[in-house]
Amino acid sequence: MFVKQPTMADLFTQLGLESSDEAIESFIEQHKGLNETTYLHRAPYWNDAQVAFLKEALIEDAAWAEVIDELNARLH
């Protein structure tokens, strides 16, 4: 069974954020520069639900993990 790989827009929608290309790029520009020792889910701009989702998806190596890793790289 083929399951579609989530996109960055899908991730932003899942996180309850605006998911247009422009909004995603704006979010990344506003928030990039995380310290290299800061885990993505510990960034100060996430709410509790967003933190729980990001952390759980990575721990479970869920389908979301690849796109979360991409966002992590772009924010660091």
PDB file of N, CA and C in Angstrom:
ATOM      1  N   MET A   1       0.843  -1.181   0.000  1.00  0.00           N
ATOM      2  CA  MET A   1       0.000   0.000   0.000  1.00  0.00           C
ATOM      3  C   MET A   1       0.885   1.241   0.000  1.00  0.00           C
ATOM      4  N   PHE A   2       0.660   2.142  -0.911  1.00  0.00           N
ATOM      5  CA  PHE A   2       1.432   3.371  -1.025  1.00  0.00           C
ATOM      6  C   PHE A   2       0.777   4.461  -0.188  1.00  0.00           C
ATOM      7  N   VAL A   3       1.584   5.076   0.662  1.00  0.00           N
ATOM      8  CA  VAL A   3       1.110   6.196   1.465  1.00  0.00           C
ATOM      9  C   VAL A   3       1.892   7.429   1.022  1.00  0.00           C
ATOM     10  N   LYS A   4       1.175   8.482   0.698  1.00  0.00           N
ATOM     11  CA  LYS A   4       1.804   9.714   0.230  1.00  0.00           C
ATOM     12  C   LYS A   4       2.730  10.287   1.300  1.00  0.00           C
ATOM     13  N   GLN A   5       3.923  10.633   0.900  1.00  0.00           N
ATOM     14  CA  GLN A   5       4.869  11.290   1.800  1.00  0.00           C
ATOM     15  C   GLN A   5       4.374  12.707   2.079  1.00  0.00           C
ATOM     16  N   PRO A   6       4.226  13.083   3.356  1.00  0.00           N
ATOM     17  CA  PRO A   6       3.776  14.442   3.665  1.00  0.00           C
ATOM     18  C   PRO A   6       4.747  15.489   3.132  1.00  0.00           C
ATOM     19  N   THR A   7       4.194  16.593   2.707  1.00  0.00           N
ATOM     20  CA  THR A   7       4.983  17.716   2.210  1.00  0.00           C
ATOM     21  C   THR A   7       5.151  18.752   3.315  1.00  0.00           C
ATOM     22  N   MET A   8       5.962  19.748   3.054  1.00  0.00           N
ATOM     23  CA  MET A   8       6.129  20.842   4.011  1.00  0.00           C
ATOM     24  C   MET A   8       4.786  21.535   4.243  1.00  0.00           C
ATOM     25  N   ALA A   9       4.011  21.711   3.184  1.00  0.00           N
ATOM     26  CA  ALA A   9       2.680  22.328   3.337  1.00  0.00           C
ATOM     27  C   ALA A   9       1.787  21.461   4.220  1.00  0.00           C
ATOM     28  N   ASP A  10       1.855  20.153   4.050  1.00  0.00           N
ATOM     29  CA  ASP A  10       1.087  19.237   4.910  1.00  0.00           C
ATOM     30  C   ASP A  10       1.508  19.394   6.372  1.00  0.00           C
ATOM     31  N   LEU A  11       2.807  19.494   6.600  1.00  0.00           N
ATOM     32  CA  LEU A  11       3.317  19.637   7.958  1.00  0.00           C
ATOM     33  C   LEU A  11       2.809  20.938   8.588  1.00  0.00           C
ATOM     34  N   PHE A  12       2.884  22.016   7.863  1.00  0.00           N
ATOM     35  CA  PHE A  12       2.428  23.297   8.404  1.00  0.00           C
ATOM     36  C   PHE A  12       0.929  23.255   8.694  1.00  0.00           C
ATOM     37  N   THR A  13       0.165  22.611   7.835  1.00  0.00           N
ATOM     38  CA  THR A  13      -1.265  22.440   8.093  1.00  0.00           C
ATOM     39  C   THR A  13      -1.464  21.626   9.361  1.00  0.00           C
ATOM     40  N   GLN A  14      -0.737  20.536   9.507  1.00  0.00           N
ATOM     41  CA  GLN A  14      -0.833  19.677  10.693  1.00  0.00           C
ATOM     42  C   GLN A  14      -0.489  20.452  11.961  1.00  0.00           C
ATOM     43  N   LEU A  15       0.443  21.372  11.856  1.00  0.00           N
ATOM     44  CA  LEU A  15       0.849  22.174  13.004  1.00  0.00           C
ATOM     45  C   LEU A  15      -0.089  23.353  13.259  1.00  0.00           C
ATOM     46  N   GLY A  16      -1.098  23.525  12.394  1.00  0.00           N
ATOM     47  CA  GLY A  16      -2.049  24.616  12.566  1.00  0.00           C
ATOM     48  C   GLY A  16      -1.533  25.959  12.097  1.00  0.00           C
ATOM     49  N   LEU A  17      -0.567  25.910  11.181  1.00  0.00           N
ATOM     50  CA  LEU A  17       0.043  27.129  10.648  1.00  0.00           C
ATOM     51  C   LEU A  17      -0.394  27.343   9.202  1.00  0.00           C
ATOM     52  N   GLU A  18      -0.276  28.568   8.737  1.00  0.00           N
ATOM     53  CA  GLU A  18      -0.557  28.881   7.340  1.00  0.00           C
ATOM     54  C   GLU A  18       0.397  28.058   6.487  1.00  0.00           C
ATOM     55  N   SER A  19      -0.136  27.451   5.427  1.00  0.00           N
ATOM     56  CA  SER A  19       0.674  26.497   4.668  1.00  0.00           C
ATOM     57  C   SER A  19       0.949  26.884   3.216  1.00  0.00           C
ATOM     58  N   SER A  20       0.723  28.137   2.870  1.00  0.00           N
ATOM     59  CA  SER A  20       1.088  28.566   1.517  1.00  0.00           C
ATOM     60  C   SER A  20       2.609  28.616   1.414  1.00  0.00           C
ATOM     61  N   ASP A  21       3.124  28.540   0.212  1.00  0.00           N
ATOM     62  CA  ASP A  21       4.579  28.602   0.012  1.00  0.00           C
ATOM     63  C   ASP A  21       5.158  29.876   0.627  1.00  0.00           C
ATOM     64  N   GLU A  22       4.462  30.995   0.439  1.00  0.00           N
ATOM     65  CA  GLU A  22       4.931  32.280   0.958  1.00  0.00           C
ATOM     66  C   GLU A  22       4.956  32.269   2.484  1.00  0.00           C
ATOM     67  N   ALA A  23       3.910  31.715   3.105  1.00  0.00           N
ATOM     68  CA  ALA A  23       3.836  31.675   4.568  1.00  0.00           C
ATOM     69  C   ALA A  23       4.920  30.768   5.142  1.00  0.00           C
ATOM     70  N   ILE A  24       5.172  29.659   4.498  1.00  0.00           N
ATOM     71  CA  ILE A  24       6.214  28.731   4.960  1.00  0.00           C
ATOM     72  C   ILE A  24       7.575  29.413   4.896  1.00  0.00           C
ATOM     73  N   GLU A  25       7.874  30.039   3.769  1.00  0.00           N
ATOM     74  CA  GLU A  25       9.164  30.728   3.627  1.00  0.00           C
ATOM     75  C   GLU A  25       9.295  31.857   4.635  1.00  0.00           C
ATOM     76  N   SER A  26       8.217  32.581   4.882  1.00  0.00           N
ATOM     77  CA  SER A  26       8.229  33.667   5.857  1.00  0.00           C
ATOM     78  C   SER A  26       8.480  33.128   7.262  1.00  0.00           C
ATOM     79  N   PHE A  27       7.817  32.038   7.623  1.00  0.00           N
ATOM     80  CA  PHE A  27       8.022  31.424   8.935  1.00  0.00           C
ATOM     81  C   PHE A  27       9.483  31.025   9.096  1.00  0.00           C
ATOM     82  N   ILE A  28      10.039  30.385   8.100  1.00  0.00           N
ATOM     83  CA  ILE A  28      11.431  29.936   8.175  1.00  0.00           C
ATOM     84  C   ILE A  28      12.383  31.122   8.284  1.00  0.00           C
ATOM     85  N   GLU A  29      12.137  32.154   7.513  1.00  0.00           N
ATOM     86  CA  GLU A  29      12.985  33.345   7.584  1.00  0.00           C
ATOM     87  C   GLU A  29      12.921  33.993   8.964  1.00  0.00           C
ATOM     88  N   GLN A  30      11.729  34.042   9.548  1.00  0.00           N
ATOM     89  CA  GLN A  30      11.547  34.666  10.872  1.00  0.00           C
ATOM     90  C   GLN A  30      12.160  33.845  11.997  1.00  0.00           C
ATOM     91  N   HIS A  31      12.228  32.531  11.832  1.00  0.00           N
ATOM     92  CA  HIS A  31      12.627  31.659  12.924  1.00  0.00           C
ATOM     93  C   HIS A  31      13.955  30.936  12.717  1.00  0.00           C
ATOM     94  N   LYS A  32      14.595  31.115  11.570  1.00  0.00           N
ATOM     95  CA  LYS A  32      15.843  30.379  11.346  1.00  0.00           C
ATOM     96  C   LYS A  32      16.945  30.905  12.245  1.00  0.00           C
ATOM     97  N   GLY A  33      17.933  30.065  12.434  1.00  0.00           N
ATOM     98  CA  GLY A  33      19.054  30.430  13.280  1.00  0.00           C
ATOM     99  C   GLY A  33      19.011  29.749  14.638  1.00  0.00           C
ATOM    100  N   LEU A  34      18.290  28.616  14.720  1.00  0.00           N
ATOM    101  CA  LEU A  34      18.293  27.861  15.969  1.00  0.00           C
ATOM    102  C   LEU A  34      19.717  27.451  16.305  1.00  0.00           C
ATOM    103  N   ASN A  35      20.049  27.524  17.563  1.00  0.00           N
ATOM    104  CA  ASN A  35      21.343  27.073  18.038  1.00  0.00           C
ATOM    105  C   ASN A  35      21.512  25.608  17.652  1.00  0.00           C
ATOM    106  N   GLU A  36      22.693  25.211  17.264  1.00  0.00           N
ATOM    107  CA  GLU A  36      22.910  23.837  16.795  1.00  0.00           C
ATOM    108  C   GLU A  36      22.633  22.786  17.859  1.00  0.00           C
ATOM    109  N   THR A  37      22.608  23.162  19.122  1.00  0.00           N
ATOM    110  CA  THR A  37      22.322  22.206  20.188  1.00  0.00           C
ATOM    111  C   THR A  37      20.844  22.192  20.595  1.00  0.00           C
ATOM    112  N   THR A  38      20.025  23.041  19.987  1.00  0.00           N
ATOM    113  CA  THR A  38      18.600  23.104  20.323  1.00  0.00           C
ATOM    114  C   THR A  38      17.816  22.149  19.433  1.00  0.00           C
ATOM    115  N   TYR A  39      17.101  21.233  20.061  1.00  0.00           N
ATOM    116  CA  TYR A  39      16.222  20.342  19.312  1.00  0.00           C
ATOM    117  C   TYR A  39      15.052  21.140  18.757  1.00  0.00           C
ATOM    118  N   LEU A  40      14.606  20.772  17.570  1.00  0.00           N
ATOM    119  CA  LEU A  40      13.513  21.487  16.917  1.00  0.00           C
ATOM    120  C   LEU A  40      12.298  21.618  17.832  1.00  0.00           C
ATOM    121  N   HIS A  41      11.911  20.541  18.495  1.00  0.00           N
ATOM    122  CA  HIS A  41      10.701  20.593  19.319  1.00  0.00           C
ATOM    123  C   HIS A  41      10.876  21.448  20.577  1.00  0.00           C
ATOM    124  N   ARG A  42      12.092  21.881  20.860  1.00  0.00           N
ATOM    125  CA  ARG A  42      12.334  22.747  22.018  1.00  0.00           C
ATOM    126  C   ARG A  42      12.458  24.218  21.639  1.00  0.00           C
ATOM    127  N   ALA A  43      12.251  24.530  20.381  1.00  0.00           N
ATOM    128  CA  ALA A  43      12.272  25.932  19.955  1.00  0.00           C
ATOM    129  C   ALA A  43      11.148  26.668  20.681  1.00  0.00           C
ATOM    130  N   PRO A  44      11.377  27.913  21.048  1.00  0.00           N
ATOM    131  CA  PRO A  44      10.421  28.629  21.896  1.00  0.00           C
ATOM    132  C   PRO A  44       9.098  29.026  21.232  1.00  0.00           C
ATOM    133  N   TYR A  45       8.985  28.880  19.953  1.00  0.00           N
ATOM    134  CA  TYR A  45       7.794  29.363  19.262  1.00  0.00           C
ATOM    135  C   TYR A  45       6.700  28.323  19.074  1.00  0.00           C
ATOM    136  N   TRP A  46       6.900  27.091  19.502  1.00  0.00           N
ATOM    137  CA  TRP A  46       5.862  26.061  19.373  1.00  0.00           C
ATOM    138  C   TRP A  46       4.958  26.064  20.592  1.00  0.00           C
ATOM    139  N   ASN A  47       3.670  25.740  20.371  1.00  0.00           N
ATOM    140  CA  ASN A  47       2.777  25.547  21.512  1.00  0.00           C
ATOM    141  C   ASN A  47       2.878  24.085  21.965  1.00  0.00           C
ATOM    142  N   ASP A  48       2.204  23.755  23.052  1.00  0.00           N
ATOM    143  CA  ASP A  48       2.327  22.406  23.624  1.00  0.00           C
ATOM    144  C   ASP A  48       1.917  21.305  22.647  1.00  0.00           C
ATOM    145  N   ALA A  49       0.837  21.528  21.913  1.00  0.00           N
ATOM    146  CA  ALA A  49       0.361  20.521  20.960  1.00  0.00           C
ATOM    147  C   ALA A  49       1.370  20.329  19.824  1.00  0.00           C
ATOM    148  N   GLN A  50       1.963  21.410  19.348  1.00  0.00           N
ATOM    149  CA  GLN A  50       2.954  21.323  18.287  1.00  0.00           C
ATOM    150  C   GLN A  50       4.201  20.578  18.770  1.00  0.00           C
ATOM    151  N   VAL A  51       4.630  20.873  19.985  1.00  0.00           N
ATOM    152  CA  VAL A  51       5.786  20.185  20.575  1.00  0.00           C
ATOM    153  C   VAL A  51       5.515  18.690  20.650  1.00  0.00           C
ATOM    154  N   ALA A  52       4.339  18.320  21.159  1.00  0.00           N
ATOM    155  CA  ALA A  52       3.998  16.906  21.305  1.00  0.00           C
ATOM    156  C   ALA A  52       3.986  16.205  19.949  1.00  0.00           C
ATOM    157  N   PHE A  53       3.409  16.849  18.947  1.00  0.00           N
ATOM    158  CA  PHE A  53       3.360  16.244  17.605  1.00  0.00           C
ATOM    159  C   PHE A  53       4.765  16.046  17.043  1.00  0.00           C
ATOM    160  N   LEU A  54       5.581  17.085  17.067  1.00  0.00           N
ATOM    161  CA  LEU A  54       6.935  17.000  16.501  1.00  0.00           C
ATOM    162  C   LEU A  54       7.756  15.918  17.199  1.00  0.00           C
ATOM    163  N   LYS A  55       7.705  15.909  18.508  1.00  0.00           N
ATOM    164  CA  LYS A  55       8.480  14.945  19.277  1.00  0.00           C
ATOM    165  C   LYS A  55       8.011  13.515  19.009  1.00  0.00           C
ATOM    166  N   GLU A  56       6.707  13.297  19.059  1.00  0.00           N
ATOM    167  CA  GLU A  56       6.157  11.959  18.841  1.00  0.00           C
ATOM    168  C   GLU A  56       6.440  11.451  17.433  1.00  0.00           C
ATOM    169  N   ALA A  57       6.286  12.310  16.442  1.00  0.00           N
ATOM    170  CA  ALA A  57       6.516  11.897  15.055  1.00  0.00           C
ATOM    171  C   ALA A  57       7.961  11.464  14.843  1.00  0.00           C
ATOM    172  N   LEU A  58       8.891  12.150  15.475  1.00  0.00           N
ATOM    173  CA  LEU A  58      10.301  11.775  15.325  1.00  0.00           C
ATOM    174  C   LEU A  58      10.632  10.507  16.104  1.00  0.00           C
ATOM    175  N   ILE A  59      10.106  10.383  17.313  1.00  0.00           N
ATOM    176  CA  ILE A  59      10.367   9.186  18.117  1.00  0.00           C
ATOM    177  C   ILE A  59       9.855   7.940  17.406  1.00  0.00           C
ATOM    178  N   GLU A  60       8.665   8.052  16.822  1.00  0.00           N
ATOM    179  CA  GLU A  60       8.054   6.910  16.144  1.00  0.00           C
ATOM    180  C   GLU A  60       8.584   6.718  14.728  1.00  0.00           C
ATOM    181  N   ASP A  61       9.449   7.633  14.283  1.00  0.00           N
ATOM    182  CA  ASP A  61       9.939   7.621  12.908  1.00  0.00           C
ATOM    183  C   ASP A  61       8.771   7.507  11.935  1.00  0.00           C
ATOM    184  N   ALA A  62       7.762   8.300  12.203  1.00  0.00           N
ATOM    185  CA  ALA A  62       6.530   8.307  11.414  1.00  0.00           C
ATOM    186  C   ALA A  62       6.789   8.862  10.019  1.00  0.00           C
ATOM    187  N   ALA A  63       5.780   8.777   9.179  1.00  0.00           N
ATOM    188  CA  ALA A  63       5.886   9.313   7.812  1.00  0.00           C
ATOM    189  C   ALA A  63       6.251  10.790   7.828  1.00  0.00           C
ATOM    190  N   TRP A  64       5.936  11.465   8.930  1.00  0.00           N
ATOM    191  CA  TRP A  64       6.240  12.892   9.050  1.00  0.00           C
ATOM    192  C   TRP A  64       7.726  13.158   9.273  1.00  0.00           C
ATOM    193  N   ALA A  65       8.483  12.169   9.714  1.00  0.00           N
ATOM    194  CA  ALA A  65       9.858  12.390  10.147  1.00  0.00           C
ATOM    195  C   ALA A  65      10.721  13.047   9.073  1.00  0.00           C
ATOM    196  N   GLU A  66      10.575  12.626   7.843  1.00  0.00           N
ATOM    197  CA  GLU A  66      11.422  13.176   6.769  1.00  0.00           C
ATOM    198  C   GLU A  66      11.204  14.678   6.585  1.00  0.00           C
ATOM    199  N   VAL A  67       9.952  15.097   6.558  1.00  0.00           N
ATOM    200  CA  VAL A  67       9.665  16.519   6.349  1.00  0.00           C
ATOM    201  C   VAL A  67       9.984  17.326   7.614  1.00  0.00           C
ATOM    202  N   ILE A  68       9.848  16.717   8.785  1.00  0.00           N
ATOM    203  CA  ILE A  68      10.252  17.401  10.021  1.00  0.00           C
ATOM    204  C   ILE A  68      11.763  17.589  10.021  1.00  0.00           C
ATOM    205  N   ASP A  69      12.507  16.589   9.578  1.00  0.00           N
ATOM    206  CA  ASP A  69      13.962  16.721   9.457  1.00  0.00           C
ATOM    207  C   ASP A  69      14.342  17.855   8.499  1.00  0.00           C
ATOM    208  N   GLU A  70      13.591  17.962   7.405  1.00  0.00           N
ATOM    209  CA  GLU A  70      13.849  19.051   6.447  1.00  0.00           C
ATOM    210  C   GLU A  70      13.619  20.407   7.107  1.00  0.00           C
ATOM    211  N   LEU A  71      12.503  20.541   7.829  1.00  0.00           N
ATOM    212  CA  LEU A  71      12.230  21.800   8.519  1.00  0.00           C
ATOM    213  C   LEU A  71      13.310  22.083   9.546  1.00  0.00           C
ATOM    214  N   ASN A  72      13.727  21.059  10.290  1.00  0.00           N
ATOM    215  CA  ASN A  72      14.791  21.204  11.262  1.00  0.00           C
ATOM    216  C   ASN A  72      16.059  21.757  10.613  1.00  0.00           C
ATOM    217  N   ALA A  73      16.454  21.187   9.505  1.00  0.00           N
ATOM    218  CA  ALA A  73      17.661  21.635   8.806  1.00  0.00           C
ATOM    219  C   ALA A  73      17.520  23.094   8.351  1.00  0.00           C
ATOM    220  N   ARG A  74      16.343  23.436   7.864  1.00  0.00           N
ATOM    221  CA  ARG A  74      16.146  24.802   7.363  1.00  0.00           C
ATOM    222  C   ARG A  74      16.096  25.833   8.490  1.00  0.00           C
ATOM    223  N   LEU A  75      15.702  25.417   9.688  1.00  0.00           N
ATOM    224  CA  LEU A  75      15.630  26.347  10.813  1.00  0.00           C
ATOM    225  C   LEU A  75      16.965  26.456  11.564  1.00  0.00           C
ATOM    226  N   HIS A  76      17.852  25.503  11.355  1.00  0.00           N
ATOM    227  CA  HIS A  76      19.166  25.587  11.981  1.00  0.00           C
ATOM    228  C   HIS A  76      20.095  26.284  11.027  1.00  0.00           C
TER     229      HIS A  76
END
